[in-house]
Amino acid sequence: MAVYAVGDIQGCYQPLRRLLDKLRFDPDKDTLWVAGDMVNRGPDSLATLRFLKSLGKSCVAILGNHDLHLLAVDAGIRRQKKADTLKKILVAPDKDELIHWLRHRPFMHHSKKRDITMVHAGIPPIWTLNQARIYARKLEEALQADNYHKLLKTLFKTDKPLGWEDALNRKKKLRLAATYFTRMRFCDEQGRMDLKNKSAIPDKGFAPWFTYKHAPMYGQSIIFGHWAALEGESHLPHIHALDTGCVWGRRLTAINVKTLARTSVKGI
């Protein structure tokens, strides 16, 4: 039995199927971890979402920023963007089932057995693993509640705050936690983010979130996606960057969680 983690699929259904064929993935024996951003920008978000849902317990998928965007569009909180490829999902006969499934995905997955954590974007250098778990669970509870629209309105109201303060109210803490989990790239040592820079080179005062050696989680194994500009390279042996730009015509990449061997196929 093998466990594979795959980076940002973003609606690239055919590359995903080619990658799983190359891995000889067997859903009756193997497990697929998906590091968020299952949908959007790629040509077949609907087929991707249906397929991942069909895998049942053989798929452990977490939420990324594009997945949250889909939920907000469906809820009438955000408008579709020019580059979005969500329309087929929004008019699909099984749309409600797919949205319900998506709302019940976690923001973070930690395997105690394998001592490894998967997030979409990152974990701030001010948090312990337990703190990350707590805030992931708070977000999940709010997103799975009947009044989940309130959370989505909170998350997309503004980008602020950009840094953590204990005095922040509950709504601001939830918004910030979601930003850490799904959008963070660069931050300072206090966890204040630079959301404008999407390159691989930090501006003065910032660094990749996973590079701070004082961080409680430094040295722990983490799988993440979101950051295509890194081209799958973190330069740290315990940090596994998986977004290799499939939707931009580069590669879709999976990692064997046990052996850390990587396998890629050409993107769209």
C-alpha atoms as a PDB file:
ATOM      1  CA  MET A   1       0.000   0.000   0.000  1.00  0.00           C
ATOM      2  CA  ALA A   2       1.404   3.380  -1.037  1.00  0.00           C
ATOM      3  CA  VAL A   3       0.516   6.938  -0.121  1.00  0.00           C
ATOM      4  CA  TYR A   4       1.092   9.617  -2.749  1.00  0.00           C
ATOM      5  CA  ALA A   5       0.726  13.375  -2.345  1.00  0.00           C
ATOM      6  CA  VAL A   6       0.012  15.489  -5.412  1.00  0.00           C
ATOM      7  CA  GLY A   7       0.382  19.231  -5.900  1.00  0.00           C
ATOM      8  CA  ASP A   8      -2.055  21.766  -7.307  1.00  0.00           C
ATOM      9  CA  ILE A   9      -4.273  20.004  -9.861  1.00  0.00           C
ATOM     10  CA  GLN A  10      -6.421  23.077 -10.630  1.00  0.00           C
ATOM     11  CA  GLY A  11      -8.834  21.297 -12.925  1.00  0.00           C
ATOM     12  CA  CYS A  12      -6.136  19.548 -14.972  1.00  0.00           C
ATOM     13  CA  TYR A  13      -7.983  16.239 -15.068  1.00  0.00           C
ATOM     14  CA  GLN A  14      -6.117  14.523 -17.909  1.00  0.00           C
ATOM     15  CA  PRO A  15      -2.630  15.164 -16.432  1.00  0.00           C
ATOM     16  CA  LEU A  16      -3.930  13.849 -13.106  1.00  0.00           C
ATOM     17  CA  ARG A  17      -5.127  10.602 -14.686  1.00  0.00           C
ATOM     18  CA  ARG A  18      -1.829  10.219 -16.583  1.00  0.00           C
ATOM     19  CA  LEU A  19       0.087  10.759 -13.352  1.00  0.00           C
ATOM     20  CA  LEU A  20      -1.961   8.166 -11.471  1.00  0.00           C
ATOM     21  CA  ASP A  21      -1.505   5.702 -14.341  1.00  0.00           C
ATOM     22  CA  LYS A  22       2.237   6.286 -14.237  1.00  0.00           C
ATOM     23  CA  LEU A  23       2.190   5.599 -10.484  1.00  0.00           C
ATOM     24  CA  ARG A  24      -0.024   2.542 -11.024  1.00  0.00           C
ATOM     25  CA  PHE A  25      -2.283   4.013  -8.389  1.00  0.00           C
ATOM     26  CA  ASP A  26      -4.837   1.513  -7.091  1.00  0.00           C
ATOM     27  CA  PRO A  27      -7.619   3.128  -4.996  1.00  0.00           C
ATOM     28  CA  ASP A  28      -8.347  -0.260  -3.412  1.00  0.00           C
ATOM     29  CA  LYS A  29      -4.845  -0.322  -1.947  1.00  0.00           C
ATOM     30  CA  ASP A  30      -3.288   3.137  -2.230  1.00  0.00           C
ATOM     31  CA  THR A  31      -4.152   6.577  -0.861  1.00  0.00           C
ATOM     32  CA  LEU A  32      -3.936   9.924  -2.655  1.00  0.00           C
ATOM     33  CA  TRP A  33      -3.260  13.108  -0.695  1.00  0.00           C
ATOM     34  CA  VAL A  34      -4.178  16.315  -2.543  1.00  0.00           C
ATOM     35  CA  ALA A  35      -2.497  19.531  -1.388  1.00  0.00           C
ATOM     36  CA  GLY A  36      -5.387  21.870  -2.207  1.00  0.00           C
ATOM     37  CA  ASP A  37      -6.418  23.849  -5.277  1.00  0.00           C
ATOM     38  CA  MET A  38      -8.290  20.968  -6.823  1.00  0.00           C
ATOM     39  CA  VAL A  39     -10.163  23.294  -9.177  1.00  0.00           C
ATOM     40  CA  ASN A  40      -9.969  26.421 -11.343  1.00  0.00           C
ATOM     41  CA  ARG A  41      -7.843  27.756 -14.194  1.00  0.00           C
ATOM     42  CA  GLY A  42      -7.513  24.283 -15.744  1.00  0.00           C
ATOM     43  CA  PRO A  43      -9.844  22.933 -18.462  1.00  0.00           C
ATOM     44  CA  ASP A  44     -11.889  20.384 -16.490  1.00  0.00           C
ATOM     45  CA  SER A  45     -12.561  21.340 -12.892  1.00  0.00           C
ATOM     46  CA  LEU A  46     -15.847  19.415 -12.866  1.00  0.00           C
ATOM     47  CA  ALA A  47     -14.310  16.081 -13.874  1.00  0.00           C
ATOM     48  CA  THR A  48     -11.474  16.608 -11.393  1.00  0.00           C
ATOM     49  CA  LEU A  49     -13.818  17.270  -8.500  1.00  0.00           C
ATOM     50  CA  ARG A  50     -16.087  14.344  -9.390  1.00  0.00           C
ATOM     51  CA  PHE A  51     -13.127  11.981  -9.666  1.00  0.00           C
ATOM     52  CA  LEU A  52     -11.541  12.981  -6.350  1.00  0.00           C
ATOM     53  CA  LYS A  53     -14.903  12.690  -4.603  1.00  0.00           C
ATOM     54  CA  SER A  54     -15.428   9.233  -6.134  1.00  0.00           C
ATOM     55  CA  LEU A  55     -12.223   7.963  -4.516  1.00  0.00           C
ATOM     56  CA  GLY A  56     -13.888   8.102  -1.112  1.00  0.00           C
ATOM     57  CA  LYS A  57     -11.551   7.268   1.766  1.00  0.00           C
ATOM     58  CA  SER A  58      -8.730   6.667  -0.704  1.00  0.00           C
ATOM     59  CA  CYS A  59      -8.466  10.454  -1.173  1.00  0.00           C
ATOM     60  CA  VAL A  60      -7.364  12.907   1.514  1.00  0.00           C
ATOM     61  CA  ALA A  61      -7.863  16.346  -0.028  1.00  0.00           C
ATOM     62  CA  ILE A  62      -7.339  19.647   1.760  1.00  0.00           C
ATOM     63  CA  LEU A  63      -8.594  23.102   0.836  1.00  0.00           C
ATOM     64  CA  GLY A  64      -6.690  25.692  -1.161  1.00  0.00           C
ATOM     65  CA  ASN A  65      -7.494  29.282  -2.057  1.00  0.00           C
ATOM     66  CA  HIS A  66      -9.113  28.332  -5.384  1.00  0.00           C
ATOM     67  CA  ASP A  67     -11.349  25.814  -3.639  1.00  0.00           C
ATOM     68  CA  LEU A  68     -12.494  28.487  -1.190  1.00  0.00           C
ATOM     69  CA  HIS A  69     -13.078  30.840  -4.113  1.00  0.00           C
ATOM     70  CA  LEU A  70     -15.406  28.278  -5.694  1.00  0.00           C
ATOM     71  CA  LEU A  71     -17.368  27.985  -2.454  1.00  0.00           C
ATOM     72  CA  ALA A  72     -17.673  31.767  -2.236  1.00  0.00           C
ATOM     73  CA  VAL A  73     -18.808  32.073  -5.864  1.00  0.00           C
ATOM     74  CA  ASP A  74     -21.415  29.361  -5.330  1.00  0.00           C
ATOM     75  CA  ALA A  75     -22.638  31.163  -2.215  1.00  0.00           C
ATOM     76  CA  GLY A  76     -23.003  34.440  -4.124  1.00  0.00           C
ATOM     77  CA  ILE A  77     -20.281  36.124  -2.094  1.00  0.00           C
ATOM     78  CA  ARG A  78     -17.762  36.492  -4.925  1.00  0.00           C
ATOM     79  CA  ARG A  79     -18.061  36.917  -8.663  1.00  0.00           C
ATOM     80  CA  GLN A  80     -16.344  34.666 -11.145  1.00  0.00           C
ATOM     81  CA  LYS A  81     -13.119  36.068 -12.549  1.00  0.00           C
ATOM     82  CA  LYS A  82     -12.193  36.183 -16.215  1.00  0.00           C
ATOM     83  CA  ALA A  83      -9.726  33.305 -15.888  1.00  0.00           C
ATOM     84  CA  ASP A  84     -12.044  31.096 -13.812  1.00  0.00           C
ATOM     85  CA  THR A  85     -13.124  27.701 -15.145  1.00  0.00           C
ATOM     86  CA  LEU A  86     -15.879  27.002 -12.619  1.00  0.00           C
ATOM     87  CA  LYS A  87     -19.023  27.388 -14.708  1.00  0.00           C
ATOM     88  CA  LYS A  88     -19.502  23.669 -15.410  1.00  0.00           C
ATOM     89  CA  ILE A  89     -19.454  22.925 -11.688  1.00  0.00           C
ATOM     90  CA  LEU A  90     -21.955  25.672 -10.892  1.00  0.00           C
ATOM     91  CA  VAL A  91     -24.525  24.327 -13.383  1.00  0.00           C
ATOM     92  CA  ALA A  92     -23.856  20.604 -12.852  1.00  0.00           C
ATOM     93  CA  PRO A  93     -26.791  18.425 -11.707  1.00  0.00           C
ATOM     94  CA  ASP A  94     -24.652  17.128  -8.826  1.00  0.00           C
ATOM     95  CA  LYS A  95     -23.374  20.598  -7.886  1.00  0.00           C
ATOM     96  CA  ASP A  96     -24.878  20.537  -4.393  1.00  0.00           C
ATOM     97  CA  GLU A  97     -23.241  17.186  -3.621  1.00  0.00           C
ATOM     98  CA  LEU A  98     -19.870  18.425  -4.859  1.00  0.00           C
ATOM     99  CA  ILE A  99     -20.090  21.665  -2.884  1.00  0.00           C
ATOM    100  CA  HIS A 100     -21.097  19.737   0.244  1.00  0.00           C
ATOM    101  CA  TRP A 101     -18.125  17.404  -0.212  1.00  0.00           C
ATOM    102  CA  LEU A 102     -15.777  20.344  -0.728  1.00  0.00           C
ATOM    103  CA  ARG A 103     -17.044  22.150   2.382  1.00  0.00           C
ATOM    104  CA  HIS A 104     -16.184  19.080   4.431  1.00  0.00           C
ATOM    105  CA  ARG A 105     -12.532  18.927   3.403  1.00  0.00           C
ATOM    106  CA  PRO A 106      -9.916  19.886   6.036  1.00  0.00           C
ATOM    107  CA  PHE A 107      -7.523  22.838   5.954  1.00  0.00           C
ATOM    108  CA  MET A 108      -4.618  20.703   7.161  1.00  0.00           C
ATOM    109  CA  HIS A 109      -3.765  17.006   7.320  1.00  0.00           C
ATOM    110  CA  HIS A 110      -1.278  15.551   9.793  1.00  0.00           C
ATOM    111  CA  SER A 111      -0.208  11.919   9.772  1.00  0.00           C
ATOM    112  CA  LYS A 112       1.075  10.898  13.178  1.00  0.00           C
ATOM    113  CA  LYS A 113       2.109   7.515  11.769  1.00  0.00           C
ATOM    114  CA  ARG A 114       4.309   9.119   9.110  1.00  0.00           C
ATOM    115  CA  ASP A 115       5.183  12.243  11.135  1.00  0.00           C
ATOM    116  CA  ILE A 116       4.351  14.536   8.235  1.00  0.00           C
ATOM    117  CA  THR A 117       1.920  17.418   7.719  1.00  0.00           C
ATOM    118  CA  MET A 118       0.209  18.627   4.544  1.00  0.00           C
ATOM    119  CA  VAL A 119      -1.104  22.157   4.017  1.00  0.00           C
ATOM    120  CA  HIS A 120      -1.906  24.097   0.883  1.00  0.00           C
ATOM    121  CA  ALA A 121       0.203  27.224   1.426  1.00  0.00           C
ATOM    122  CA  GLY A 122       1.920  27.096   4.807  1.00  0.00           C
ATOM    123  CA  ILE A 123       2.074  27.276   8.575  1.00  0.00           C
ATOM    124  CA  PRO A 124       3.317  30.529  10.132  1.00  0.00           C
ATOM    125  CA  PRO A 125       6.612  30.413  12.067  1.00  0.00           C
ATOM    126  CA  ILE A 126       4.825  31.535  15.248  1.00  0.00           C
ATOM    127  CA  TRP A 127       2.607  28.423  15.498  1.00  0.00           C
ATOM    128  CA  THR A 128       3.186  25.000  16.982  1.00  0.00           C
ATOM    129  CA  LEU A 129       1.653  21.952  15.321  1.00  0.00           C
ATOM    130  CA  ASN A 130      -1.040  21.935  18.011  1.00  0.00           C
ATOM    131  CA  GLN A 131      -1.907  25.598  17.361  1.00  0.00           C
ATOM    132  CA  ALA A 132      -2.175  24.879  13.625  1.00  0.00           C
ATOM    133  CA  ARG A 133      -4.476  21.953  14.386  1.00  0.00           C
ATOM    134  CA  ILE A 134      -6.674  24.094  16.625  1.00  0.00           C
ATOM    135  CA  TYR A 135      -7.172  26.853  14.052  1.00  0.00           C
ATOM    136  CA  ALA A 136      -7.664  24.396  11.213  1.00  0.00           C
ATOM    137  CA  ARG A 137     -10.394  22.728  13.221  1.00  0.00           C
ATOM    138  CA  LYS A 138     -12.065  26.060  14.051  1.00  0.00           C
ATOM    139  CA  LEU A 139     -12.189  26.892  10.338  1.00  0.00           C
ATOM    140  CA  GLU A 140     -13.508  23.454   9.462  1.00  0.00           C
ATOM    141  CA  GLU A 141     -16.273  23.639  12.046  1.00  0.00           C
ATOM    142  CA  ALA A 142     -17.383  27.025  10.721  1.00  0.00           C
ATOM    143  CA  LEU A 143     -17.259  25.898   7.077  1.00  0.00           C
ATOM    144  CA  GLN A 144     -19.235  22.733   7.792  1.00  0.00           C
ATOM    145  CA  ALA A 145     -21.949  24.538   9.771  1.00  0.00           C
ATOM    146  CA  ASP A 146     -25.349  25.338   8.259  1.00  0.00           C
ATOM    147  CA  ASN A 147     -24.516  29.060   8.353  1.00  0.00           C
ATOM    148  CA  TYR A 148     -21.145  28.612   6.590  1.00  0.00           C
ATOM    149  CA  HIS A 149     -21.904  31.640   4.412  1.00  0.00           C
ATOM    150  CA  LYS A 150     -20.950  33.804   7.406  1.00  0.00           C
ATOM    151  CA  LEU A 151     -17.444  32.361   7.425  1.00  0.00           C
ATOM    152  CA  LEU A 152     -17.027  32.864   3.674  1.00  0.00           C
ATOM    153  CA  LYS A 153     -18.130  36.494   3.998  1.00  0.00           C
ATOM    154  CA  THR A 154     -15.544  36.937   6.743  1.00  0.00           C
ATOM    155  CA  LEU A 155     -12.749  35.303   4.755  1.00  0.00           C
ATOM    156  CA  PHE A 156     -13.249  37.416   1.648  1.00  0.00           C
ATOM    157  CA  LYS A 157     -14.065  40.732   3.293  1.00  0.00           C
ATOM    158  CA  THR A 158     -10.450  41.976   3.211  1.00  0.00           C
ATOM    159  CA  ASP A 159      -6.838  40.768   3.175  1.00  0.00           C
ATOM    160  CA  LYS A 160      -6.227  42.259   6.606  1.00  0.00           C
ATOM    161  CA  PRO A 161      -4.942  41.517   9.159  1.00  0.00           C
ATOM    162  CA  LEU A 162      -1.637  40.351   7.716  1.00  0.00           C
ATOM    163  CA  GLY A 163      -0.072  39.387  11.058  1.00  0.00           C
ATOM    164  CA  TRP A 164      -1.092  37.653  14.261  1.00  0.00           C
ATOM    165  CA  GLU A 165      -2.024  39.426  17.485  1.00  0.00           C
ATOM    166  CA  ASP A 166      -3.612  37.742  20.479  1.00  0.00           C
ATOM    167  CA  ALA A 167      -5.963  40.711  20.828  1.00  0.00           C
ATOM    168  CA  LEU A 168      -7.589  40.079  17.431  1.00  0.00           C
ATOM    169  CA  ASN A 169     -11.259  39.161  17.566  1.00  0.00           C
ATOM    170  CA  ARG A 170     -12.549  35.735  16.493  1.00  0.00           C
ATOM    171  CA  LYS A 171     -13.482  36.765  12.943  1.00  0.00           C
ATOM    172  CA  LYS A 172     -10.088  38.315  12.274  1.00  0.00           C
ATOM    173  CA  LYS A 173      -8.276  35.285  13.686  1.00  0.00           C
ATOM    174  CA  LEU A 174     -10.268  32.958  11.454  1.00  0.00           C
ATOM    175  CA  ARG A 175      -9.608  35.128   8.395  1.00  0.00           C
ATOM    176  CA  LEU A 176      -5.901  35.264   9.170  1.00  0.00           C
ATOM    177  CA  ALA A 177      -5.701  31.521   9.837  1.00  0.00           C
ATOM    178  CA  ALA A 178      -7.330  30.812   6.465  1.00  0.00           C
ATOM    179  CA  THR A 179      -4.849  33.161   4.796  1.00  0.00           C
ATOM    180  CA  TYR A 180      -1.923  31.356   6.433  1.00  0.00           C
ATOM    181  CA  PHE A 181      -3.222  27.960   5.341  1.00  0.00           C
ATOM    182  CA  THR A 182      -4.216  28.864   1.778  1.00  0.00           C
ATOM    183  CA  ARG A 183      -2.357  31.973   0.564  1.00  0.00           C
ATOM    184  CA  MET A 184       0.915  32.544   2.429  1.00  0.00           C
ATOM    185  CA  ARG A 185       4.295  32.561   0.712  1.00  0.00           C
ATOM    186  CA  PHE A 186       6.563  35.135   2.350  1.00  0.00           C
ATOM    187  CA  CYS A 187       6.323  36.385   5.937  1.00  0.00           C
ATOM    188  CA  ASP A 188       8.537  37.878   8.616  1.00  0.00           C
ATOM    189  CA  GLU A 189       9.589  36.084  11.791  1.00  0.00           C
ATOM    190  CA  GLN A 190       6.459  37.325  13.606  1.00  0.00           C
ATOM    191  CA  GLY A 191       4.232  35.812  10.924  1.00  0.00           C
ATOM    192  CA  ARG A 192       3.307  39.046   9.159  1.00  0.00           C
ATOM    193  CA  MET A 193       2.746  38.212   5.490  1.00  0.00           C
ATOM    194  CA  ASP A 194       3.657  39.765   2.175  1.00  0.00           C
ATOM    195  CA  LEU A 195       0.769  38.699  -0.058  1.00  0.00           C
ATOM    196  CA  LYS A 196       1.760  40.782  -3.074  1.00  0.00           C
ATOM    197  CA  ASN A 197       4.999  38.992  -3.941  1.00  0.00           C
ATOM    198  CA  LYS A 198       4.348  35.737  -5.817  1.00  0.00           C
ATOM    199  CA  SER A 199       7.901  35.244  -7.063  1.00  0.00           C
ATOM    200  CA  ALA A 200      10.592  33.050  -5.509  1.00  0.00           C
ATOM    201  CA  ILE A 201      12.655  36.038  -4.321  1.00  0.00           C
ATOM    202  CA  PRO A 202      11.647  37.799  -1.083  1.00  0.00           C
ATOM    203  CA  ASP A 203      11.471  41.524  -0.555  1.00  0.00           C
ATOM    204  CA  LYS A 204      13.462  43.076   2.282  1.00  0.00           C
ATOM    205  CA  GLY A 205      12.255  41.988   5.714  1.00  0.00           C
ATOM    206  CA  PHE A 206      10.531  38.828   4.484  1.00  0.00           C
ATOM    207  CA  ALA A 207      11.500  35.222   3.809  1.00  0.00           C
ATOM    208  CA  PRO A 208       9.734  31.991   2.816  1.00  0.00           C
ATOM    209  CA  TRP A 209       7.540  30.917   5.726  1.00  0.00           C
ATOM    210  CA  PHE A 210       9.377  27.591   6.124  1.00  0.00           C
ATOM    211  CA  THR A 211      12.902  29.024   6.516  1.00  0.00           C
ATOM    212  CA  TYR A 212      12.769  30.456  10.056  1.00  0.00           C
ATOM    213  CA  LYS A 213      14.949  28.216  12.216  1.00  0.00           C
ATOM    214  CA  HIS A 214      13.420  29.464  15.473  1.00  0.00           C
ATOM    215  CA  ALA A 215       9.934  28.368  14.390  1.00  0.00           C
ATOM    216  CA  PRO A 216       8.335  25.673  16.586  1.00  0.00           C
ATOM    217  CA  MET A 217       7.759  23.484  13.528  1.00  0.00           C
ATOM    218  CA  TYR A 218      11.178  23.980  11.933  1.00  0.00           C
ATOM    219  CA  GLY A 219      12.664  20.597  11.068  1.00  0.00           C
ATOM    220  CA  GLN A 220       9.287  18.849  10.857  1.00  0.00           C
ATOM    221  CA  SER A 221       8.274  17.356   7.521  1.00  0.00           C
ATOM    222  CA  ILE A 222       5.714  19.439   5.639  1.00  0.00           C
ATOM    223  CA  ILE A 223       4.138  18.958   2.210  1.00  0.00           C
ATOM    224  CA  PHE A 224       2.639  22.018   0.525  1.00  0.00           C
ATOM    225  CA  GLY A 225       1.554  23.398  -2.841  1.00  0.00           C
ATOM    226  CA  HIS A 226       0.397  26.892  -3.880  1.00  0.00           C
ATOM    227  CA  TRP A 227       3.813  28.318  -4.828  1.00  0.00           C
ATOM    228  CA  ALA A 228       4.466  27.538  -8.489  1.00  0.00           C
ATOM    229  CA  ALA A 229       7.379  29.990  -8.684  1.00  0.00           C
ATOM    230  CA  LEU A 230       9.448  27.640  -6.487  1.00  0.00           C
ATOM    231  CA  GLU A 231       9.195  25.006  -9.242  1.00  0.00           C
ATOM    232  CA  GLY A 232       8.979  22.264  -6.611  1.00  0.00           C
ATOM    233  CA  GLU A 233      12.229  23.175  -4.847  1.00  0.00           C
ATOM    234  CA  SER A 234      12.389  24.341  -1.219  1.00  0.00           C
ATOM    235  CA  HIS A 235      16.144  23.677  -0.738  1.00  0.00           C
ATOM    236  CA  LEU A 236      15.317  22.003   2.592  1.00  0.00           C
ATOM    237  CA  PRO A 237      15.150  18.206   2.929  1.00  0.00           C
ATOM    238  CA  HIS A 238      12.083  18.198   5.188  1.00  0.00           C
ATOM    239  CA  ILE A 239      10.017  20.720   3.175  1.00  0.00           C
ATOM    240  CA  HIS A 240       8.334  19.286   0.097  1.00  0.00           C
ATOM    241  CA  ALA A 241       7.022  21.833  -2.409  1.00  0.00           C
ATOM    242  CA  LEU A 242       4.653  20.185  -4.890  1.00  0.00           C
ATOM    243  CA  ASP A 243       3.210  22.965  -7.056  1.00  0.00           C
ATOM    244  CA  THR A 244       5.188  22.580 -10.262  1.00  0.00           C
ATOM    245  CA  GLY A 245       2.933  24.687 -12.475  1.00  0.00           C
ATOM    246  CA  CYS A 246       0.753  22.079 -14.168  1.00  0.00           C
ATOM    247  CA  VAL A 247      -1.884  24.660 -15.096  1.00  0.00           C
ATOM    248  CA  TRP A 248       0.841  26.852 -16.636  1.00  0.00           C
ATOM    249  CA  GLY A 249       2.022  24.086 -18.965  1.00  0.00           C
ATOM    250  CA  ARG A 250       4.840  22.763 -16.818  1.00  0.00           C
ATOM    251  CA  ARG A 251       4.387  19.599 -14.708  1.00  0.00           C
ATOM    252  CA  LEU A 252       2.021  17.871 -12.297  1.00  0.00           C
ATOM    253  CA  THR A 253       4.036  16.259  -9.533  1.00  0.00           C
ATOM    254  CA  ALA A 254       3.389  13.597  -6.906  1.00  0.00           C
ATOM    255  CA  ILE A 255       5.601  12.434  -4.059  1.00  0.00           C
ATOM    256  CA  ASN A 256       5.648   9.017  -2.423  1.00  0.00           C
ATOM    257  CA  VAL A 257       5.103   9.982   1.210  1.00  0.00           C
ATOM    258  CA  LYS A 258       7.197   7.054   2.489  1.00  0.00           C
ATOM    259  CA  THR A 259      10.135   7.058   0.087  1.00  0.00           C
ATOM    260  CA  LEU A 260       9.940  10.755  -0.951  1.00  0.00           C
ATOM    261  CA  ALA A 261      10.452   9.687  -4.570  1.00  0.00           C
ATOM    262  CA  ARG A 262       8.924  12.168  -7.027  1.00  0.00           C
ATOM    263  CA  THR A 263       6.997  11.425 -10.199  1.00  0.00           C
ATOM    264  CA  SER A 264       5.845  13.993 -12.742  1.00  0.00           C
ATOM    265  CA  VAL A 265       3.916  14.250 -15.977  1.00  0.00           C
ATOM    266  CA  LYS A 266       3.605  17.100 -18.439  1.00  0.00           C
ATOM    267  CA  GLY A 267       0.904  19.645 -17.653  1.00  0.00           C
ATOM    268  CA  ILE A 268      -1.702  21.093 -19.986  1.00  0.00           C
END
